[in-house]
Amino acid sequence: EISFQKIHSIKELDTILSHPKGKIVMVDFYAKWCVSCKELDNITFKDPKVLQSLKGYLLLKVDVTNNTQDDKALMKRFNLFGPPALIFFKNGKELKNKRIICYKSPDEFLEIIK
């Protein structure tokens, strides 16, 4: 089972990114009404190979369901129009070539993050 730490603001994200502890950080932008988000959760993030590959990652989830001001600020910071989006960081810097927008099957996901 995959477990995410929930974050709610840019300040929370910046605090975590400033102390990465050598781990790659994956930020999952999610909403309850987002069908592709549910596919990521129920298909991709349940795949044994994906679970294994994410073992050393710090996993963060931003729930933008309610479209609050903090949600909008987080989305705007990364030029996102909506979920799902997966953004990866190492040593506080975004790994832009790893950014995932929309649903990806387990194999597609693994190909991108390797």
C-alpha atoms as a PDB file:
ATOM      1  CA  GLU A   1       0.000   0.000   0.000  1.00  0.00           C
ATOM      2  CA  ILE A   2       1.305   3.411  -0.979  1.00  0.00           C
ATOM      3  CA  SER A   3       1.088   6.208   1.556  1.00  0.00           C
ATOM      4  CA  PHE A   4       1.188   9.919   0.850  1.00  0.00           C
ATOM      5  CA  GLN A   5       1.782  12.837   3.170  1.00  0.00           C
ATOM      6  CA  LYS A   6      -0.878  15.481   2.503  1.00  0.00           C
ATOM      7  CA  ILE A   7       0.175  19.073   1.975  1.00  0.00           C
ATOM      8  CA  HIS A   8      -2.064  22.101   1.654  1.00  0.00           C
ATOM      9  CA  SER A   9       0.064  25.125   0.812  1.00  0.00           C
ATOM     10  CA  ILE A  10       3.155  26.421  -0.952  1.00  0.00           C
ATOM     11  CA  LYS A  11       4.703  27.084   2.462  1.00  0.00           C
ATOM     12  CA  GLU A  12       4.312  23.416   3.472  1.00  0.00           C
ATOM     13  CA  LEU A  13       5.758  22.268   0.151  1.00  0.00           C
ATOM     14  CA  ASP A  14       8.715  24.655   0.351  1.00  0.00           C
ATOM     15  CA  THR A  15       9.483  23.526   3.911  1.00  0.00           C
ATOM     16  CA  ILE A  16       9.551  19.883   2.857  1.00  0.00           C
ATOM     17  CA  LEU A  17      11.568  20.577  -0.300  1.00  0.00           C
ATOM     18  CA  SER A  18      14.158  22.518   1.691  1.00  0.00           C
ATOM     19  CA  HIS A  19      14.880  19.369   3.784  1.00  0.00           C
ATOM     20  CA  PRO A  20      14.670  16.508   1.248  1.00  0.00           C
ATOM     21  CA  LYS A  21      16.914  14.085   3.192  1.00  0.00           C
ATOM     22  CA  GLY A  22      18.407  12.809  -0.069  1.00  0.00           C
ATOM     23  CA  LYS A  23      15.130  11.378  -1.301  1.00  0.00           C
ATOM     24  CA  ILE A  24      13.370  12.105  -4.539  1.00  0.00           C
ATOM     25  CA  VAL A  25      10.077  13.831  -3.778  1.00  0.00           C
ATOM     26  CA  MET A  26       6.951  13.100  -5.843  1.00  0.00           C
ATOM     27  CA  VAL A  27       4.060  15.544  -5.535  1.00  0.00           C
ATOM     28  CA  ASP A  28       0.709  14.155  -6.700  1.00  0.00           C
ATOM     29  CA  PHE A  29      -1.934  16.763  -7.596  1.00  0.00           C
ATOM     30  CA  TYR A  30      -5.290  15.027  -7.091  1.00  0.00           C
ATOM     31  CA  ALA A  31      -9.017  15.789  -6.904  1.00  0.00           C
ATOM     32  CA  LYS A  32     -11.923  13.575  -5.836  1.00  0.00           C
ATOM     33  CA  TRP A  33     -13.824  14.387  -9.050  1.00  0.00           C
ATOM     34  CA  CYS A  34     -10.840  13.516 -11.275  1.00  0.00           C
ATOM     35  CA  VAL A  35     -11.323  10.173 -13.045  1.00  0.00           C
ATOM     36  CA  SER A  36      -7.688   9.976 -14.184  1.00  0.00           C
ATOM     37  CA  CYS A  37      -6.546  10.598 -10.592  1.00  0.00           C
ATOM     38  CA  LYS A  38      -8.581   7.609  -9.448  1.00  0.00           C
ATOM     39  CA  GLU A  39      -7.034   5.506 -12.211  1.00  0.00           C
ATOM     40  CA  LEU A  40      -3.563   6.478 -11.001  1.00  0.00           C
ATOM     41  CA  ASP A  41      -4.516   5.563  -7.418  1.00  0.00           C
ATOM     42  CA  ASN A  42      -6.349   2.336  -8.251  1.00  0.00           C
ATOM     43  CA  ILE A  43      -4.240   0.991 -11.115  1.00  0.00           C
ATOM     44  CA  THR A  44      -0.783   2.562 -11.368  1.00  0.00           C
ATOM     45  CA  PHE A  45      -0.109   3.065  -7.644  1.00  0.00           C
ATOM     46  CA  LYS A  46      -1.270  -0.472  -6.832  1.00  0.00           C
ATOM     47  CA  ASP A  47       1.050  -2.152  -9.320  1.00  0.00           C
ATOM     48  CA  PRO A  48       3.759  -4.124  -7.452  1.00  0.00           C
ATOM     49  CA  LYS A  49       6.562  -2.843  -9.730  1.00  0.00           C
ATOM     50  CA  VAL A  50       5.455   0.769  -9.205  1.00  0.00           C
ATOM     51  CA  LEU A  51       5.213   0.261  -5.437  1.00  0.00           C
ATOM     52  CA  GLN A  52       8.730  -1.175  -5.420  1.00  0.00           C
ATOM     53  CA  SER A  53      10.128   1.676  -7.518  1.00  0.00           C
ATOM     54  CA  LEU A  54       8.647   4.329  -5.184  1.00  0.00           C
ATOM     55  CA  LYS A  55      10.011   2.800  -1.959  1.00  0.00           C
ATOM     56  CA  GLY A  56      12.797   5.367  -1.590  1.00  0.00           C
ATOM     57  CA  TYR A  57      10.637   8.370  -2.499  1.00  0.00           C
ATOM     58  CA  LEU A  58       8.974  10.934  -0.272  1.00  0.00           C
ATOM     59  CA  LEU A  59       5.378  10.951  -1.527  1.00  0.00           C
ATOM     60  CA  LEU A  60       3.261  14.086  -1.171  1.00  0.00           C
ATOM     61  CA  LYS A  61      -0.353  14.597  -2.204  1.00  0.00           C
ATOM     62  CA  VAL A  62      -2.097  17.901  -2.886  1.00  0.00           C
ATOM     63  CA  ASP A  63      -5.892  17.510  -2.895  1.00  0.00           C
ATOM     64  CA  VAL A  64      -7.248  20.335  -5.078  1.00  0.00           C
ATOM     65  CA  THR A  65     -10.872  19.096  -4.916  1.00  0.00           C
ATOM     66  CA  ASN A  66     -12.161  22.264  -3.236  1.00  0.00           C
ATOM     67  CA  ASN A  67     -10.191  24.699  -5.422  1.00  0.00           C
ATOM     68  CA  THR A  68      -9.189  26.845  -2.435  1.00  0.00           C
ATOM     69  CA  GLN A  69      -6.856  29.833  -2.720  1.00  0.00           C
ATOM     70  CA  ASP A  70      -3.983  27.607  -1.527  1.00  0.00           C
ATOM     71  CA  ASP A  71      -4.936  24.979  -4.148  1.00  0.00           C
ATOM     72  CA  LYS A  72      -4.971  27.632  -6.877  1.00  0.00           C
ATOM     73  CA  ALA A  73      -1.604  29.018  -5.723  1.00  0.00           C
ATOM     74  CA  LEU A  74       0.007  25.564  -5.813  1.00  0.00           C
ATOM     75  CA  MET A  75      -1.423  24.837  -9.266  1.00  0.00           C
ATOM     76  CA  LYS A  76      -0.332  28.244 -10.574  1.00  0.00           C
ATOM     77  CA  ARG A  77       3.199  27.812  -9.244  1.00  0.00           C
ATOM     78  CA  PHE A  78       3.655  24.805 -11.529  1.00  0.00           C
ATOM     79  CA  ASN A  79       1.529  26.092 -14.440  1.00  0.00           C
ATOM     80  CA  LEU A  80      -1.035  23.322 -13.955  1.00  0.00           C
ATOM     81  CA  PHE A  81      -4.557  23.613 -15.315  1.00  0.00           C
ATOM     82  CA  GLY A  82      -5.900  20.701 -13.303  1.00  0.00           C
ATOM     83  CA  PRO A  83      -5.110  17.300 -11.923  1.00  0.00           C
ATOM     84  CA  PRO A  84      -3.706  14.764 -12.303  1.00  0.00           C
ATOM     85  CA  ALA A  85      -0.138  15.937 -12.309  1.00  0.00           C
ATOM     86  CA  LEU A  86       2.938  14.316 -10.790  1.00  0.00           C
ATOM     87  CA  ILE A  87       5.941  16.531 -10.183  1.00  0.00           C
ATOM     88  CA  PHE A  88       9.302  15.184  -9.052  1.00  0.00           C
ATOM     89  CA  PHE A  89      12.050  16.960  -7.099  1.00  0.00           C
ATOM     90  CA  LYS A  90      15.597  16.084  -6.136  1.00  0.00           C
ATOM     91  CA  ASN A  91      17.577  18.264  -3.740  1.00  0.00           C
ATOM     92  CA  GLY A  92      14.802  20.847  -3.878  1.00  0.00           C
ATOM     93  CA  LYS A  93      14.896  21.212  -7.676  1.00  0.00           C
ATOM     94  CA  GLU A  94      12.200  20.014 -10.047  1.00  0.00           C
ATOM     95  CA  LEU A  95      13.146  17.156 -12.365  1.00  0.00           C
ATOM     96  CA  LYS A  96      11.285  18.663 -15.318  1.00  0.00           C
ATOM     97  CA  ASN A  97      11.906  15.684 -17.586  1.00  0.00           C
ATOM     98  CA  LYS A  98       9.997  13.469 -15.107  1.00  0.00           C
ATOM     99  CA  ARG A  99       6.832  15.600 -14.926  1.00  0.00           C
ATOM    100  CA  ILE A 100       3.694  13.550 -15.611  1.00  0.00           C
ATOM    101  CA  ILE A 101       0.430  15.145 -16.699  1.00  0.00           C
ATOM    102  CA  CYS A 102      -2.628  12.866 -17.063  1.00  0.00           C
ATOM    103  CA  TYR A 103      -3.019   9.160 -16.422  1.00  0.00           C
ATOM    104  CA  LYS A 104      -0.114   6.816 -17.133  1.00  0.00           C
ATOM    105  CA  SER A 105      -0.279   3.032 -17.006  1.00  0.00           C
ATOM    106  CA  PRO A 106       2.168   1.302 -14.658  1.00  0.00           C
ATOM    107  CA  ASP A 107       4.566   0.568 -17.531  1.00  0.00           C
ATOM    108  CA  GLU A 108       4.397   4.147 -18.866  1.00  0.00           C
ATOM    109  CA  PHE A 109       4.929   5.504 -15.345  1.00  0.00           C
ATOM    110  CA  LEU A 110       7.966   3.284 -14.759  1.00  0.00           C
ATOM    111  CA  GLU A 111       9.468   4.277 -18.105  1.00  0.00           C
ATOM    112  CA  ILE A 112       9.251   7.970 -17.171  1.00  0.00           C
ATOM    113  CA  ILE A 113      10.660   7.717 -13.645  1.00  0.00           C
ATOM    114  CA  LYS A 114      13.578   5.364 -14.354  1.00  0.00           C
END
